[in-house]
Amino acid sequence: MLKNKKNAIIFSIFAMLLWGSAIPTIKTTYHVLDVSTTDTGAKILIAGMRFFLAGLITFLYLRLFNKEKIVKSEINWKFIIIIGILQTFIQYILYYIGLSHIAGVKSSIIQASNSFIVVILSLLLLPGDKINKNMIIALILGTAGIIVTNLGKGASSEGFKFTGDGFILISTSINALCTVLIRKYGQKENSYFLMANQFIIGSILMIITGLLLKDGSLVFNIRAVILLIYAAFISATAFTIWTVVLKYHSAGEFGIYKLFVPLFGSILSVLILGEAFTLNLAIGMVLVLGGSLVLNLNKN
């Protein structure tokens, strides 16, 4: 179904909407479960439960939608384990901790730097990729945008905070690295099988880490359970859609749709969380999205 370009575009935008909704979902979950800002273990445990469920949902997608034959002898378990550790375990530990320390709007803008980081890493890791004028302009605009979001107080009373802004930026960089690695080494892997297993591997490590580090107990009510299931659905569905799209279509051509993630994330953070969308955040977003647009128009 996603081999069809029109379908791929529609599903890609839907995946970006899901990813954009993750920020208010996670922050609302923290509020409902009354998770302390200092309880790192509880945040990691919540992330672990989310991605374990996401792995199970992705296995369901595998049974329902997969039409490719999976040859056990051809499965690259080493690659799957590496992606599970990087993309689920390390990336989302940093993301869940970082998101608890900064506003959702600000996080969305920082995450928009993903496109620029992918370009830099592609130049280093993918043969044939060469830097050009448009890439330089895009990187300058993107860097300026991130700097502007941290000028003054903006959406955060403390400006730049390493455990907030820094962790989100590192998390975004790891995500970009995994995008390049999957594009380079994951072409022969079944998309559903890769995502499901890397979710399970990373989530088990997170659950163990969270249980060892958490300070208090987590008491789930109906609302918290619904939020957790929805968060798992976001991960399973968005990651699977995006991985399948990249398998059949050019990352350069479809990368422009990543622009919708910070837009959806910022809008939903304002509407659901009641966050302020200040002038410096608006300027920062224009610069970052402008850079992404220059970058992706160049690819096309």
C-alpha atoms as a PDB file:
ATOM      1  CA  MET A   1       0.000   0.000   0.000  1.00  0.00           C
ATOM      2  CA  LEU A   2       2.805   2.436   0.871  1.00  0.00           C
ATOM      3  CA  LYS A   3       4.553   1.733  -2.436  1.00  0.00           C
ATOM      4  CA  ASN A   4       1.946   4.082  -3.917  1.00  0.00           C
ATOM      5  CA  LYS A   5       3.340   7.625  -3.613  1.00  0.00           C
ATOM      6  CA  LYS A   6      -0.014   9.280  -2.828  1.00  0.00           C
ATOM      7  CA  ASN A   7      -0.695   6.818  -0.022  1.00  0.00           C
ATOM      8  CA  ALA A   8       2.856   7.257   1.256  1.00  0.00           C
ATOM      9  CA  ILE A   9       2.387  11.042   1.499  1.00  0.00           C
ATOM     10  CA  ILE A  10      -0.935  10.745   3.367  1.00  0.00           C
ATOM     11  CA  PHE A  11       0.411   8.185   5.817  1.00  0.00           C
ATOM     12  CA  SER A  12       3.636  10.166   6.309  1.00  0.00           C
ATOM     13  CA  ILE A  13       1.687  13.262   7.375  1.00  0.00           C
ATOM     14  CA  PHE A  14      -0.422  11.086   9.694  1.00  0.00           C
ATOM     15  CA  ALA A  15       2.795   9.712  11.228  1.00  0.00           C
ATOM     16  CA  MET A  16       4.060  13.274  11.784  1.00  0.00           C
ATOM     17  CA  LEU A  17       0.771  14.173  13.514  1.00  0.00           C
ATOM     18  CA  LEU A  18       1.214  11.189  15.819  1.00  0.00           C
ATOM     19  CA  TRP A  19       4.790  12.168  16.635  1.00  0.00           C
ATOM     20  CA  GLY A  20       3.707  15.766  17.237  1.00  0.00           C
ATOM     21  CA  SER A  21       1.065  14.581  19.711  1.00  0.00           C
ATOM     22  CA  ALA A  22       3.661  12.626  21.701  1.00  0.00           C
ATOM     23  CA  ILE A  23       4.881  15.711  23.575  1.00  0.00           C
ATOM     24  CA  PRO A  24       1.550  16.716  25.199  1.00  0.00           C
ATOM     25  CA  THR A  25       0.789  13.016  25.759  1.00  0.00           C
ATOM     26  CA  ILE A  26       4.002  12.432  27.730  1.00  0.00           C
ATOM     27  CA  LYS A  27       3.685  15.655  29.717  1.00  0.00           C
ATOM     28  CA  THR A  28       0.044  14.902  30.543  1.00  0.00           C
ATOM     29  CA  THR A  29       1.052  11.395  31.663  1.00  0.00           C
ATOM     30  CA  TYR A  30       3.606  12.882  34.063  1.00  0.00           C
ATOM     31  CA  HIS A  31       0.889  15.147  35.478  1.00  0.00           C
ATOM     32  CA  VAL A  32      -1.724  12.397  35.835  1.00  0.00           C
ATOM     33  CA  LEU A  33       0.744  10.053  37.566  1.00  0.00           C
ATOM     34  CA  ASP A  34       2.128  12.933  39.668  1.00  0.00           C
ATOM     35  CA  VAL A  35       5.715  12.138  38.635  1.00  0.00           C
ATOM     36  CA  SER A  36       8.283  14.326  40.375  1.00  0.00           C
ATOM     37  CA  THR A  37      10.751  16.228  38.184  1.00  0.00           C
ATOM     38  CA  THR A  38      13.563  14.585  40.137  1.00  0.00           C
ATOM     39  CA  ASP A  39      12.238  11.011  39.838  1.00  0.00           C
ATOM     40  CA  THR A  40      14.299   9.941  36.836  1.00  0.00           C
ATOM     41  CA  GLY A  41      13.570   6.258  37.385  1.00  0.00           C
ATOM     42  CA  ALA A  42       9.796   6.753  37.139  1.00  0.00           C
ATOM     43  CA  LYS A  43      10.176   8.561  33.812  1.00  0.00           C
ATOM     44  CA  ILE A  44      12.365   5.778  32.423  1.00  0.00           C
ATOM     45  CA  LEU A  45       9.921   3.129  33.689  1.00  0.00           C
ATOM     46  CA  ILE A  46       6.985   4.878  31.981  1.00  0.00           C
ATOM     47  CA  ALA A  47       8.995   5.031  28.754  1.00  0.00           C
ATOM     48  CA  GLY A  48       9.862   1.341  29.088  1.00  0.00           C
ATOM     49  CA  MET A  49       6.236   0.310  29.540  1.00  0.00           C
ATOM     50  CA  ARG A  50       5.235   2.459  26.568  1.00  0.00           C
ATOM     51  CA  PHE A  51       7.763   0.894  24.219  1.00  0.00           C
ATOM     52  CA  PHE A  52       7.139  -2.649  25.427  1.00  0.00           C
ATOM     53  CA  LEU A  53       3.474  -2.170  24.484  1.00  0.00           C
ATOM     54  CA  ALA A  54       4.607  -0.539  21.230  1.00  0.00           C
ATOM     55  CA  GLY A  55       6.644  -3.645  20.450  1.00  0.00           C
ATOM     56  CA  LEU A  56       3.612  -5.872  21.005  1.00  0.00           C
ATOM     57  CA  ILE A  57       1.451  -3.643  18.781  1.00  0.00           C
ATOM     58  CA  THR A  58       4.114  -3.720  16.057  1.00  0.00           C
ATOM     59  CA  PHE A  59       4.202  -7.528  16.223  1.00  0.00           C
ATOM     60  CA  LEU A  60       0.415  -7.372  15.670  1.00  0.00           C
ATOM     61  CA  TYR A  61       1.019  -5.155  12.619  1.00  0.00           C
ATOM     62  CA  LEU A  62       3.553  -7.738  11.446  1.00  0.00           C
ATOM     63  CA  ARG A  63       0.930 -10.493  11.528  1.00  0.00           C
ATOM     64  CA  LEU A  64      -1.805  -8.350   9.962  1.00  0.00           C
ATOM     65  CA  PHE A  65      -0.010  -6.417   7.238  1.00  0.00           C
ATOM     66  CA  ASN A  66       3.336  -8.007   6.454  1.00  0.00           C
ATOM     67  CA  LYS A  67       3.530  -9.710   3.060  1.00  0.00           C
ATOM     68  CA  GLU A  68       7.275 -10.308   2.980  1.00  0.00           C
ATOM     69  CA  LYS A  69       8.761 -13.658   3.882  1.00  0.00           C
ATOM     70  CA  ILE A  70      11.118 -13.430   6.859  1.00  0.00           C
ATOM     71  CA  VAL A  71      14.072 -15.787   6.483  1.00  0.00           C
ATOM     72  CA  LYS A  72      15.454 -16.482   9.959  1.00  0.00           C
ATOM     73  CA  SER A  73      18.966 -17.154   8.705  1.00  0.00           C
ATOM     74  CA  GLU A  74      19.071 -13.696   7.074  1.00  0.00           C
ATOM     75  CA  ILE A  75      18.015 -11.712  10.158  1.00  0.00           C
ATOM     76  CA  ASN A  76      20.765  -9.317  11.253  1.00  0.00           C
ATOM     77  CA  TRP A  77      20.308  -9.591  15.019  1.00  0.00           C
ATOM     78  CA  LYS A  78      23.449  -7.564  15.717  1.00  0.00           C
ATOM     79  CA  PHE A  79      22.003  -4.596  13.814  1.00  0.00           C
ATOM     80  CA  ILE A  80      18.578  -4.963  15.469  1.00  0.00           C
ATOM     81  CA  ILE A  81      20.139  -5.023  18.952  1.00  0.00           C
ATOM     82  CA  ILE A  82      22.277  -1.953  18.187  1.00  0.00           C
ATOM     83  CA  ILE A  83      19.219  -0.026  16.945  1.00  0.00           C
ATOM     84  CA  GLY A  84      17.228  -1.168  19.997  1.00  0.00           C
ATOM     85  CA  ILE A  85      19.903   0.145  22.349  1.00  0.00           C
ATOM     86  CA  LEU A  86      20.441   3.410  20.475  1.00  0.00           C
ATOM     87  CA  GLN A  87      16.990   4.348  19.164  1.00  0.00           C
ATOM     88  CA  THR A  88      14.808   3.078  21.993  1.00  0.00           C
ATOM     89  CA  PHE A  89      16.900   2.695  25.152  1.00  0.00           C
ATOM     90  CA  ILE A  90      19.374   5.607  25.031  1.00  0.00           C
ATOM     91  CA  GLN A  91      17.402   8.031  22.864  1.00  0.00           C
ATOM     92  CA  TYR A  92      14.170   7.820  24.826  1.00  0.00           C
ATOM     93  CA  ILE A  93      15.769   7.863  28.253  1.00  0.00           C
ATOM     94  CA  LEU A  94      17.275  11.225  27.282  1.00  0.00           C
ATOM     95  CA  TYR A  95      14.023  12.330  25.640  1.00  0.00           C
ATOM     96  CA  TYR A  96      11.753  11.497  28.584  1.00  0.00           C
ATOM     97  CA  ILE A  97      14.098  13.175  31.063  1.00  0.00           C
ATOM     98  CA  GLY A  98      14.667  16.199  28.832  1.00  0.00           C
ATOM     99  CA  LEU A  99      10.981  16.751  28.112  1.00  0.00           C
ATOM    100  CA  SER A 100      10.233  17.000  31.831  1.00  0.00           C
ATOM    101  CA  HIS A 101      12.563  20.010  32.092  1.00  0.00           C
ATOM    102  CA  ILE A 102      11.450  22.175  29.151  1.00  0.00           C
ATOM    103  CA  ALA A 103       8.246  23.319  27.458  1.00  0.00           C
ATOM    104  CA  GLY A 104       6.719  21.205  24.717  1.00  0.00           C
ATOM    105  CA  VAL A 105       6.860  24.034  22.158  1.00  0.00           C
ATOM    106  CA  LYS A 106      10.574  24.503  22.751  1.00  0.00           C
ATOM    107  CA  SER A 107      11.199  20.774  22.519  1.00  0.00           C
ATOM    108  CA  SER A 108       9.379  20.659  19.166  1.00  0.00           C
ATOM    109  CA  ILE A 109      11.637  23.351  17.731  1.00  0.00           C
ATOM    110  CA  ILE A 110      14.824  21.653  18.940  1.00  0.00           C
ATOM    111  CA  GLN A 111      13.648  18.343  17.477  1.00  0.00           C
ATOM    112  CA  ALA A 112      13.235  20.056  14.110  1.00  0.00           C
ATOM    113  CA  SER A 113      17.046  20.109  13.919  1.00  0.00           C
ATOM    114  CA  ASN A 114      16.816  16.394  13.074  1.00  0.00           C
ATOM    115  CA  SER A 115      16.960  17.144   9.336  1.00  0.00           C
ATOM    116  CA  PHE A 116      20.210  19.086   9.648  1.00  0.00           C
ATOM    117  CA  ILE A 117      21.860  16.435  11.778  1.00  0.00           C
ATOM    118  CA  VAL A 118      20.814  13.747   9.294  1.00  0.00           C
ATOM    119  CA  VAL A 119      22.587  15.743   6.566  1.00  0.00           C
ATOM    120  CA  ILE A 120      25.795  16.035   8.588  1.00  0.00           C
ATOM    121  CA  LEU A 121      25.807  12.344   9.489  1.00  0.00           C
ATOM    122  CA  SER A 122      24.947  11.341   5.926  1.00  0.00           C
ATOM    123  CA  LEU A 123      27.988  13.256   4.692  1.00  0.00           C
ATOM    124  CA  LEU A 124      30.126  11.314   7.155  1.00  0.00           C
ATOM    125  CA  LEU A 125      28.578   7.855   6.786  1.00  0.00           C
ATOM    126  CA  LEU A 126      26.992   7.579   3.346  1.00  0.00           C
ATOM    127  CA  PRO A 127      29.301   7.496   0.310  1.00  0.00           C
ATOM    128  CA  GLY A 128      28.329   9.823  -2.502  1.00  0.00           C
ATOM    129  CA  ASP A 129      26.747  12.532  -0.338  1.00  0.00           C
ATOM    130  CA  LYS A 130      28.499  15.876  -0.845  1.00  0.00           C
ATOM    131  CA  ILE A 131      27.978  19.233   0.856  1.00  0.00           C
ATOM    132  CA  ASN A 132      26.700  22.162  -1.203  1.00  0.00           C
ATOM    133  CA  LYS A 133      25.592  25.774  -0.790  1.00  0.00           C
ATOM    134  CA  ASN A 134      22.010  24.943   0.144  1.00  0.00           C
ATOM    135  CA  MET A 135      23.155  22.582   2.887  1.00  0.00           C
ATOM    136  CA  ILE A 136      25.389  25.288   4.370  1.00  0.00           C
ATOM    137  CA  ILE A 137      22.534  27.834   4.309  1.00  0.00           C
ATOM    138  CA  ALA A 138      20.177  25.300   5.900  1.00  0.00           C
ATOM    139  CA  LEU A 139      22.637  24.454   8.675  1.00  0.00           C
ATOM    140  CA  ILE A 140      23.223  28.150   9.440  1.00  0.00           C
ATOM    141  CA  LEU A 141      19.477  28.856   9.604  1.00  0.00           C
ATOM    142  CA  GLY A 142      18.822  25.793  11.749  1.00  0.00           C
ATOM    143  CA  THR A 143      21.608  26.591  14.206  1.00  0.00           C
ATOM    144  CA  ALA A 144      20.450  30.207  14.440  1.00  0.00           C
ATOM    145  CA  GLY A 145      16.902  29.041  15.123  1.00  0.00           C
ATOM    146  CA  ILE A 146      17.949  26.853  18.043  1.00  0.00           C
ATOM    147  CA  ILE A 147      20.064  29.684  19.479  1.00  0.00           C
ATOM    148  CA  VAL A 148      17.168  32.156  19.192  1.00  0.00           C
ATOM    149  CA  THR A 149      14.796  29.823  21.059  1.00  0.00           C
ATOM    150  CA  ASN A 150      17.179  29.989  24.019  1.00  0.00           C
ATOM    151  CA  LEU A 151      17.670  33.762  24.039  1.00  0.00           C
ATOM    152  CA  GLY A 152      16.032  35.487  26.979  1.00  0.00           C
ATOM    153  CA  LYS A 153      13.460  33.550  28.948  1.00  0.00           C
ATOM    154  CA  GLY A 154      11.157  32.457  26.144  1.00  0.00           C
ATOM    155  CA  ALA A 155       9.259  29.360  27.050  1.00  0.00           C
ATOM    156  CA  SER A 156      11.655  28.467  29.818  1.00  0.00           C
ATOM    157  CA  SER A 157      12.442  30.511  32.894  1.00  0.00           C
ATOM    158  CA  GLU A 158      16.001  29.200  32.895  1.00  0.00           C
ATOM    159  CA  GLY A 159      17.048  29.633  29.259  1.00  0.00           C
ATOM    160  CA  PHE A 160      19.256  26.770  28.098  1.00  0.00           C
ATOM    161  CA  LYS A 161      19.276  23.808  30.473  1.00  0.00           C
ATOM    162  CA  PHE A 162      21.505  20.826  29.718  1.00  0.00           C
ATOM    163  CA  THR A 163      19.163  18.248  31.282  1.00  0.00           C
ATOM    164  CA  GLY A 164      16.320  19.793  29.258  1.00  0.00           C
ATOM    165  CA  ASP A 165      17.412  21.406  25.989  1.00  0.00           C
ATOM    166  CA  GLY A 166      20.700  19.488  25.951  1.00  0.00           C
ATOM    167  CA  PHE A 167      19.113  16.074  26.461  1.00  0.00           C
ATOM    168  CA  ILE A 168      16.487  16.757  23.766  1.00  0.00           C
ATOM    169  CA  LEU A 169      19.216  17.821  21.325  1.00  0.00           C
ATOM    170  CA  ILE A 170      21.322  14.718  22.061  1.00  0.00           C
ATOM    171  CA  SER A 171      18.210  12.549  21.753  1.00  0.00           C
ATOM    172  CA  THR A 172      17.430  14.155  18.397  1.00  0.00           C
ATOM    173  CA  SER A 173      21.011  13.532  17.251  1.00  0.00           C
ATOM    174  CA  ILE A 174      20.753   9.845  18.162  1.00  0.00           C
ATOM    175  CA  ASN A 175      17.477   9.617  16.242  1.00  0.00           C
ATOM    176  CA  ALA A 176      19.185  11.177  13.220  1.00  0.00           C
ATOM    177  CA  LEU A 177      22.052   8.696  13.514  1.00  0.00           C
ATOM    178  CA  CYS A 178      19.605   5.790  13.569  1.00  0.00           C
ATOM    179  CA  THR A 179      17.820   7.184  10.499  1.00  0.00           C
ATOM    180  CA  VAL A 180      21.109   7.092   8.591  1.00  0.00           C
ATOM    181  CA  LEU A 181      22.064   3.659   9.950  1.00  0.00           C
ATOM    182  CA  ILE A 182      18.693   2.150   8.988  1.00  0.00           C
ATOM    183  CA  ARG A 183      18.983   3.686   5.528  1.00  0.00           C
ATOM    184  CA  LYS A 184      22.512   2.247   5.148  1.00  0.00           C
ATOM    185  CA  TYR A 185      22.262  -1.141   6.837  1.00  0.00           C
ATOM    186  CA  GLY A 186      18.559  -1.851   7.301  1.00  0.00           C
ATOM    187  CA  GLN A 187      17.354  -2.073   3.700  1.00  0.00           C
ATOM    188  CA  LYS A 188      17.253  -5.874   3.766  1.00  0.00           C
ATOM    189  CA  GLU A 189      15.465  -6.070   7.120  1.00  0.00           C
ATOM    190  CA  ASN A 190      11.702  -6.485   7.355  1.00  0.00           C
ATOM    191  CA  SER A 191      10.441  -3.106   8.622  1.00  0.00           C
ATOM    192  CA  TYR A 192       7.823  -4.528  11.003  1.00  0.00           C
ATOM    193  CA  PHE A 193      10.220  -7.134  12.402  1.00  0.00           C
ATOM    194  CA  LEU A 194      13.003  -4.572  12.878  1.00  0.00           C
ATOM    195  CA  MET A 195      10.789  -2.067  14.697  1.00  0.00           C
ATOM    196  CA  ALA A 196       9.017  -4.622  16.899  1.00  0.00           C
ATOM    197  CA  ASN A 197      12.212  -6.241  18.106  1.00  0.00           C
ATOM    198  CA  GLN A 198      14.132  -3.026  18.665  1.00  0.00           C
ATOM    199  CA  PHE A 199      11.192  -1.697  20.728  1.00  0.00           C
ATOM    200  CA  ILE A 200      11.140  -4.849  22.883  1.00  0.00           C
ATOM    201  CA  ILE A 201      14.930  -4.911  23.362  1.00  0.00           C
ATOM    202  CA  GLY A 202      15.146  -1.229  24.285  1.00  0.00           C
ATOM    203  CA  SER A 203      12.038  -1.305  26.478  1.00  0.00           C
ATOM    204  CA  ILE A 204      13.232  -4.247  28.582  1.00  0.00           C
ATOM    205  CA  LEU A 205      16.456  -2.361  29.313  1.00  0.00           C
ATOM    206  CA  MET A 206      14.409   0.738  30.231  1.00  0.00           C
ATOM    207  CA  ILE A 207      12.046  -1.184  32.512  1.00  0.00           C
ATOM    208  CA  ILE A 208      14.972  -2.737  34.398  1.00  0.00           C
ATOM    209  CA  THR A 209      16.718   0.647  34.680  1.00  0.00           C
ATOM    210  CA  GLY A 210      13.516   2.400  35.757  1.00  0.00           C
ATOM    211  CA  LEU A 211      12.738  -0.167  38.468  1.00  0.00           C
ATOM    212  CA  LEU A 212      16.261   0.193  39.860  1.00  0.00           C
ATOM    213  CA  LEU A 213      16.215   4.003  39.896  1.00  0.00           C
ATOM    214  CA  LYS A 214      12.633   5.047  40.697  1.00  0.00           C
ATOM    215  CA  ASP A 215      11.939   6.775  44.021  1.00  0.00           C
ATOM    216  CA  GLY A 216       8.208   6.287  44.482  1.00  0.00           C
ATOM    217  CA  SER A 217       5.412   4.100  43.170  1.00  0.00           C
ATOM    218  CA  LEU A 218       3.301   4.659  40.067  1.00  0.00           C
ATOM    219  CA  VAL A 219      -0.461   4.305  40.586  1.00  0.00           C
ATOM    220  CA  PHE A 220      -2.273   3.992  37.247  1.00  0.00           C
ATOM    221  CA  ASN A 221      -5.869   5.163  36.906  1.00  0.00           C
ATOM    222  CA  ILE A 222      -8.035   4.819  33.782  1.00  0.00           C
ATOM    223  CA  ARG A 223      -6.749   8.068  32.287  1.00  0.00           C
ATOM    224  CA  ALA A 224      -3.104   7.086  32.798  1.00  0.00           C
ATOM    225  CA  VAL A 225      -3.690   3.683  31.187  1.00  0.00           C
ATOM    226  CA  ILE A 226      -5.355   5.300  28.157  1.00  0.00           C
ATOM    227  CA  LEU A 227      -2.467   7.763  27.806  1.00  0.00           C
ATOM    228  CA  LEU A 228       0.077   4.939  28.023  1.00  0.00           C
ATOM    229  CA  ILE A 229      -1.733   2.851  25.394  1.00  0.00           C
ATOM    230  CA  TYR A 230      -2.045   5.874  23.095  1.00  0.00           C
ATOM    231  CA  ALA A 231       1.664   6.658  23.530  1.00  0.00           C
ATOM    232  CA  ALA A 232       2.461   3.047  22.594  1.00  0.00           C
ATOM    233  CA  PHE A 233       0.191   3.354  19.545  1.00  0.00           C
ATOM    234  CA  ILE A 234       2.073   6.520  18.521  1.00  0.00           C
ATOM    235  CA  SER A 235       5.422   4.740  18.607  1.00  0.00           C
ATOM    236  CA  ALA A 236       4.310   1.526  16.924  1.00  0.00           C
ATOM    237  CA  THR A 237       2.330   3.220  14.177  1.00  0.00           C
ATOM    238  CA  ALA A 238       4.498   6.262  13.387  1.00  0.00           C
ATOM    239  CA  PHE A 239       7.817   4.404  13.442  1.00  0.00           C
ATOM    240  CA  THR A 240       6.437   1.550  11.341  1.00  0.00           C
ATOM    241  CA  ILE A 241       4.864   3.876   8.764  1.00  0.00           C
ATOM    242  CA  TRP A 242       8.031   5.949   8.466  1.00  0.00           C
ATOM    243  CA  THR A 243      10.326   2.937   8.193  1.00  0.00           C
ATOM    244  CA  VAL A 244       8.162   1.377   5.469  1.00  0.00           C
ATOM    245  CA  VAL A 245       7.952   4.706   3.595  1.00  0.00           C
ATOM    246  CA  LEU A 246      11.752   5.083   3.628  1.00  0.00           C
ATOM    247  CA  LYS A 247      12.088   1.550   2.338  1.00  0.00           C
ATOM    248  CA  TYR A 248      10.090   2.331  -0.812  1.00  0.00           C
ATOM    249  CA  HIS A 249      10.748   6.060  -1.305  1.00  0.00           C
ATOM    250  CA  SER A 250      13.670   8.481  -1.199  1.00  0.00           C
ATOM    251  CA  ALA A 251      14.537   9.883   2.228  1.00  0.00           C
ATOM    252  CA  GLY A 252      15.458  13.111   0.450  1.00  0.00           C
ATOM    253  CA  GLU A 253      12.081  13.434  -1.242  1.00  0.00           C
ATOM    254  CA  PHE A 254      10.003  12.562   1.818  1.00  0.00           C
ATOM    255  CA  GLY A 255      12.205  14.296   4.398  1.00  0.00           C
ATOM    256  CA  ILE A 256      10.261  17.521   3.882  1.00  0.00           C
ATOM    257  CA  TYR A 257       7.263  15.989   5.672  1.00  0.00           C
ATOM    258  CA  LYS A 258       9.312  15.969   8.887  1.00  0.00           C
ATOM    259  CA  LEU A 259       8.545  19.710   8.923  1.00  0.00           C
ATOM    260  CA  PHE A 260       5.073  18.833  10.170  1.00  0.00           C
ATOM    261  CA  VAL A 261       6.366  17.337  13.444  1.00  0.00           C
ATOM    262  CA  PRO A 262       7.413  20.644  15.120  1.00  0.00           C
ATOM    263  CA  LEU A 263       4.335  22.357  13.711  1.00  0.00           C
ATOM    264  CA  PHE A 264       1.949  19.741  15.097  1.00  0.00           C
ATOM    265  CA  GLY A 265       3.952  19.483  18.323  1.00  0.00           C
ATOM    266  CA  SER A 266       3.896  23.226  18.956  1.00  0.00           C
ATOM    267  CA  ILE A 267       0.219  23.661  18.085  1.00  0.00           C
ATOM    268  CA  LEU A 268      -0.847  20.732  20.281  1.00  0.00           C
ATOM    269  CA  SER A 269       1.367  21.904  23.167  1.00  0.00           C
ATOM    270  CA  VAL A 270      -0.319  25.309  23.051  1.00  0.00           C
ATOM    271  CA  LEU A 271      -3.847  23.868  22.734  1.00  0.00           C
ATOM    272  CA  ILE A 272      -3.555  20.952  25.181  1.00  0.00           C
ATOM    273  CA  LEU A 273      -0.912  22.108  27.664  1.00  0.00           C
ATOM    274  CA  GLY A 274      -1.743  25.819  27.525  1.00  0.00           C
ATOM    275  CA  GLU A 275       1.877  26.765  26.844  1.00  0.00           C
ATOM    276  CA  ALA A 276       2.848  30.224  25.634  1.00  0.00           C
ATOM    277  CA  PHE A 277       4.090  30.673  22.079  1.00  0.00           C
ATOM    278  CA  THR A 278       6.460  33.608  22.559  1.00  0.00           C
ATOM    279  CA  LEU A 279       8.153  35.843  19.984  1.00  0.00           C
ATOM    280  CA  ASN A 280      11.586  34.245  20.299  1.00  0.00           C
ATOM    281  CA  LEU A 281      10.035  30.784  19.883  1.00  0.00           C
ATOM    282  CA  ALA A 282       8.149  31.978  16.796  1.00  0.00           C
ATOM    283  CA  ILE A 283      11.339  33.425  15.262  1.00  0.00           C
ATOM    284  CA  GLY A 284      13.270  30.284  16.172  1.00  0.00           C
ATOM    285  CA  MET A 285      10.660  28.072  14.532  1.00  0.00           C
ATOM    286  CA  VAL A 286      10.641  30.177  11.340  1.00  0.00           C
ATOM    287  CA  LEU A 287      14.444  29.888  11.113  1.00  0.00           C
ATOM    288  CA  VAL A 288      14.484  26.138  11.773  1.00  0.00           C
ATOM    289  CA  LEU A 289      11.615  25.373   9.392  1.00  0.00           C
ATOM    290  CA  GLY A 290      13.135  27.715   6.805  1.00  0.00           C
ATOM    291  CA  GLY A 291      16.390  25.801   7.045  1.00  0.00           C
ATOM    292  CA  SER A 292      14.590  22.481   6.702  1.00  0.00           C
ATOM    293  CA  LEU A 293      12.696  23.794   3.676  1.00  0.00           C
ATOM    294  CA  VAL A 294      15.907  24.958   1.964  1.00  0.00           C
ATOM    295  CA  LEU A 295      17.488  21.598   2.729  1.00  0.00           C
ATOM    296  CA  ASN A 296      14.630  19.500   1.381  1.00  0.00           C
ATOM    297  CA  LEU A 297      13.931  21.652  -1.675  1.00  0.00           C
ATOM    298  CA  ASN A 298      17.582  21.116  -2.525  1.00  0.00           C
ATOM    299  CA  LYS A 299      17.091  17.347  -2.271  1.00  0.00           C
ATOM    300  CA  ASN A 300      14.076  17.441  -4.505  1.00  0.00           C
END
